[in-house]
Protein backbone atom coordinates (compact mmCIF):
# COMPACT_ATOMS: atom_id res chain seq x y z
CA MET A 1 -7.81 -24.27 50.78
CA ALA A 2 -7.85 -21.42 48.40
CA SER A 3 -9.80 -18.71 51.17
CA SER A 4 -7.14 -20.30 54.09
CA SER A 5 -4.73 -18.60 51.40
CA SER A 6 -5.82 -15.83 51.58
CA TYR A 7 -5.39 -15.47 55.45
CA ASN A 8 -1.83 -16.27 54.64
CA SER A 9 -0.72 -13.29 52.29
CA PRO A 10 -3.52 -10.27 52.39
CA CYS A 11 -4.42 -9.72 48.72
CA ALA A 12 -3.00 -6.37 46.26
CA ALA A 13 -6.11 -4.59 47.56
CA CYS A 14 -5.28 -4.54 51.47
CA LYS A 15 -1.66 -4.96 51.07
CA PHE A 16 -1.40 -1.51 48.50
CA LEU A 17 -3.49 0.12 51.21
CA ARG A 18 -0.84 -1.14 54.52
CA ARG A 19 -4.23 -2.65 56.35
CA LYS A 20 -4.79 -6.00 57.89
CA CYS A 21 -6.60 -8.83 55.04
CA MET A 22 -9.93 -9.79 56.94
CA PRO A 23 -11.63 -12.56 56.32
CA GLY A 24 -14.79 -10.50 55.42
CA CYS A 25 -12.46 -8.00 52.20
CA ILE A 26 -14.15 -6.83 49.92
CA PHE A 27 -11.51 -7.32 47.38
CA ALA A 28 -9.23 -10.29 48.37
CA PRO A 29 -11.70 -12.17 45.85
CA TYR A 30 -10.72 -10.02 42.93
CA PHE A 31 -7.60 -8.25 43.79
CA PRO A 32 -5.52 -11.13 44.41
CA PRO A 33 -1.64 -10.20 45.55
CA GLU A 34 -0.18 -11.82 41.97
CA GLU A 35 -1.57 -8.73 40.91
CA PRO A 36 -0.51 -5.76 42.61
CA GLN A 37 -0.70 -3.43 40.00
CA LYS A 38 -4.91 -4.56 39.09
CA PHE A 39 -5.69 -2.75 42.44
CA ALA A 40 -2.08 -0.08 42.04
CA ASN A 41 -4.22 1.35 38.89
CA VAL A 42 -7.55 1.57 39.67
CA HIS A 43 -7.40 3.02 43.45
CA LYS A 44 -4.93 5.71 41.20
CA ILE A 45 -8.39 6.25 39.22
CA PHE A 46 -11.22 4.99 41.01
CA GLY A 47 -9.83 5.75 44.62
CA ALA A 48 -10.47 2.95 46.87
CA SER A 49 -13.54 3.78 48.30
CA ASN A 50 -15.35 4.39 45.72
CA VAL A 51 -14.74 0.75 44.40
CA THR A 52 -15.51 0.39 47.88
CA LYS A 53 -18.88 0.88 47.65
CA LEU A 54 -19.24 -0.20 43.76
CA LEU A 55 -19.17 -3.77 45.34
CA ASN A 56 -21.43 -3.67 48.18
CA GLU A 57 -24.19 -2.44 46.56
CA LEU A 58 -23.60 -4.64 43.80
CA LEU A 59 -25.27 -7.93 43.60
CA PRO A 60 -22.09 -10.52 43.84
CA HIS A 61 -22.61 -12.72 40.50
CA GLN A 62 -22.17 -8.82 39.39
CA ARG A 63 -18.48 -8.14 40.92
CA GLU A 64 -16.85 -9.95 38.81
CA ASP A 65 -17.34 -8.39 35.50
CA ALA A 66 -17.70 -4.45 37.56
CA VAL A 67 -13.71 -4.98 38.67
CA ASN A 68 -12.63 -6.26 35.42
CA SER A 69 -14.42 -3.23 33.92
CA LEU A 70 -13.00 -0.66 36.52
CA ALA A 71 -9.71 -3.00 35.56
CA TYR A 72 -9.48 -2.09 33.01
CA GLU A 73 -10.31 1.72 32.30
CA ALA A 74 -7.76 2.32 34.72
CA GLU A 75 -5.68 0.57 32.88
CA ALA A 76 -7.24 2.95 29.45
CA ARG A 77 -6.43 5.80 31.85
CA VAL A 78 -2.79 4.90 32.98
CA ARG A 79 -1.63 4.97 29.20
CA ASP A 80 -4.02 7.51 27.55
CA PRO A 81 -4.88 9.86 30.40
CA VAL A 82 -7.02 11.77 28.29
CA TYR A 83 -8.92 9.89 26.22
CA GLY A 84 -8.36 6.14 28.07
CA CYS A 85 -10.71 3.15 27.16
CA VAL A 86 -12.67 5.89 24.78
CA GLY A 87 -9.84 6.76 22.46
CA ALA A 88 -9.36 2.14 22.08
CA ILE A 89 -12.73 1.73 21.26
CA THR A 90 -12.73 4.33 18.88
CA PHE A 91 -9.82 3.77 17.33
CA LEU A 92 -11.05 -0.49 17.05
CA GLN A 93 -13.90 1.76 14.74
CA ARG A 94 -12.42 3.58 12.57
CA GLN A 95 -10.13 0.32 12.37
CA VAL A 96 -13.40 -1.80 11.60
CA GLN A 97 -14.65 1.39 9.21
CA ARG A 98 -12.03 1.08 6.84
CA LEU A 99 -11.59 -2.90 6.90
CA GLN A 100 -15.09 -2.55 5.82
CA LYS A 101 -15.03 -0.58 2.96
CA GLU A 102 -11.84 -2.66 1.69
CA LEU A 103 -14.39 -5.38 2.30
CA ASP A 104 -17.05 -3.37 0.09
CA THR A 105 -14.57 -2.80 -2.60
CA ALA A 106 -13.33 -5.81 -2.38
CA ASN A 107 -16.45 -7.38 -3.09
CA ALA A 108 -17.10 -4.55 -6.28
CA ASP A 109 -14.35 -5.65 -7.64
CA LEU A 110 -15.56 -9.23 -7.98
CA LEU A 111 -18.55 -8.32 -9.05
CA ARG A 112 -17.68 -6.64 -11.69
CA TYR A 113 -14.65 -8.62 -12.37
CA SER A 114 -17.58 -11.74 -12.47
CA PHE A 115 -19.37 -10.18 -14.84
CA THR A 116 -16.72 -8.51 -17.97
CA GLU A 117 -18.89 -10.41 -20.58
CA ILE A 118 -20.08 -7.16 -22.54
CA PRO A 119 -21.84 -7.93 -25.73
CA PRO A 120 -20.47 -6.38 -28.90
CA ALA A 121 -23.85 -5.07 -30.01
CA SER A 122 -22.59 -2.39 -27.22
CA LEU A 123 -19.29 -1.90 -27.94
CA SER A 124 -18.34 1.38 -30.11
CA VAL A 125 -16.06 0.66 -32.94
CA PRO A 126 -13.74 2.17 -34.35
CA PRO A 127 -13.72 3.11 -37.85
CA GLY A 128 -11.68 0.70 -39.67
CA LEU A 129 -11.83 -2.02 -37.53
CA THR A 130 -13.95 -4.47 -36.66
CA PRO A 131 -15.02 -5.61 -33.46
CA VAL A 132 -14.30 -8.52 -31.31
CA GLN A 133 -17.16 -11.27 -31.75
CA GLN A 134 -15.98 -13.09 -28.65
CA ILE A 135 -13.14 -12.65 -25.98
CA PRO A 136 -11.66 -16.69 -25.78
CA GLN A 137 -11.46 -17.60 -21.70
CA ARG A 138 -7.27 -18.42 -19.65
CA ASN A 139 -6.52 -21.25 -21.00
CA PHE A 140 -3.95 -22.68 -17.89
CA SER A 141 -4.08 -25.87 -18.99
CA THR A 142 -0.95 -25.71 -21.60
CA ARG A 143 2.36 -26.27 -19.57
CA ILE A 144 5.84 -24.41 -20.67
CA GLY A 145 9.05 -26.22 -20.16
CA ASN A 146 9.59 -29.03 -18.33
CA GLU A 147 6.93 -31.33 -17.27
CA GLY A 148 7.66 -30.28 -13.16
CA SER A 149 8.48 -26.92 -13.86
CA GLY A 150 4.94 -26.10 -12.96
CA LEU A 151 4.62 -23.11 -15.10
CA TYR A 152 1.08 -22.73 -16.91
CA ARG A 153 0.92 -20.03 -20.12
CA GLN A 154 -2.06 -19.14 -22.10
CA SER A 155 -3.06 -20.51 -25.59
CA PRO A 156 -1.15 -18.16 -28.21
CA THR A 157 -5.88 -17.64 -29.25
CA ALA A 158 -5.93 -16.44 -25.43
CA TYR A 159 -6.39 -13.07 -26.79
CA SER A 160 -7.42 -11.37 -30.27
CA PHE A 161 -7.23 -8.64 -31.37
CA PRO A 162 -8.73 -6.55 -33.83
CA TYR A 163 -6.18 -4.84 -35.90
CA SER A 164 -2.27 -6.73 -36.07
CA LEU A 165 0.03 -5.92 -33.01
CA PRO A 166 2.96 -3.58 -34.11
CA TRP A 167 5.73 -6.54 -33.62
CA THR A 168 3.54 -8.96 -34.39
CA ASP A 169 3.06 -7.14 -38.16
CA THR A 170 5.11 -8.87 -40.37
CA SER A 171 4.75 -8.05 -43.99
CA SER A 172 7.43 -4.49 -42.92
CA GLU A 173 10.50 -6.47 -41.70
CA ASP A 174 11.00 -9.85 -41.62
CA PHE A 175 12.86 -11.39 -38.77
CA SER A 176 12.84 -14.34 -38.71
CA ASP A 177 16.44 -14.35 -39.48
CA GLY A 178 17.12 -16.60 -36.42
CA GLY A 179 20.39 -14.39 -34.58
CA GLY A 180 20.45 -12.84 -31.22
CA GLY A 181 17.41 -14.96 -29.56
CA GLY A 182 14.79 -12.08 -29.45
CA GLY A 183 10.40 -12.15 -28.80
CA GLY A 184 10.16 -15.74 -30.66
CA GLY A 185 9.36 -18.78 -28.66
CA GLY A 186 11.87 -20.88 -29.94
CA GLY A 187 12.02 -24.19 -27.00
CA VAL A 188 8.52 -23.69 -26.34
CA GLY A 189 5.96 -24.10 -29.56
CA ASN A 190 2.69 -24.85 -29.85
CA MET A 191 1.87 -27.81 -27.13
């Protein structure tokens, strides 16, 4: 019998108020003896007589929610005497707004990256250069190195430039003397 245990030990409210816990105590169902700080906070912020009046005015099925709300507000007031739970709610609302902005930015980035194909006619090409007709998609199906390495590389034709790059232009100097192991791709080869 759960109710007989309340007769043996007073509820947290009656123990705090140093009075005898009667069988019809209005605090007993909501302030068990194991949670003395819950009532101490509620009493400090709202007062025992105000809580008694509030609980007596409510229907029995509404009392538990009211006590939980009072306990939450009282604990928030003890932690932050100025703002109470309003400070916590404001903080959480700002966090939700910040996360919503981040989500909107991420969605905009996804849309921008999904529509990256620009028609060649709309490109403005500097004089003397030819426009890139089509940018090939990345190819991650070729491997670098050993079979079990799991590293992938793009195919050599993944990037096409309308002009020759300074480090790929072999007309001015010949870097194929084999010394130094510079940027050649010696063991990789075309796959």
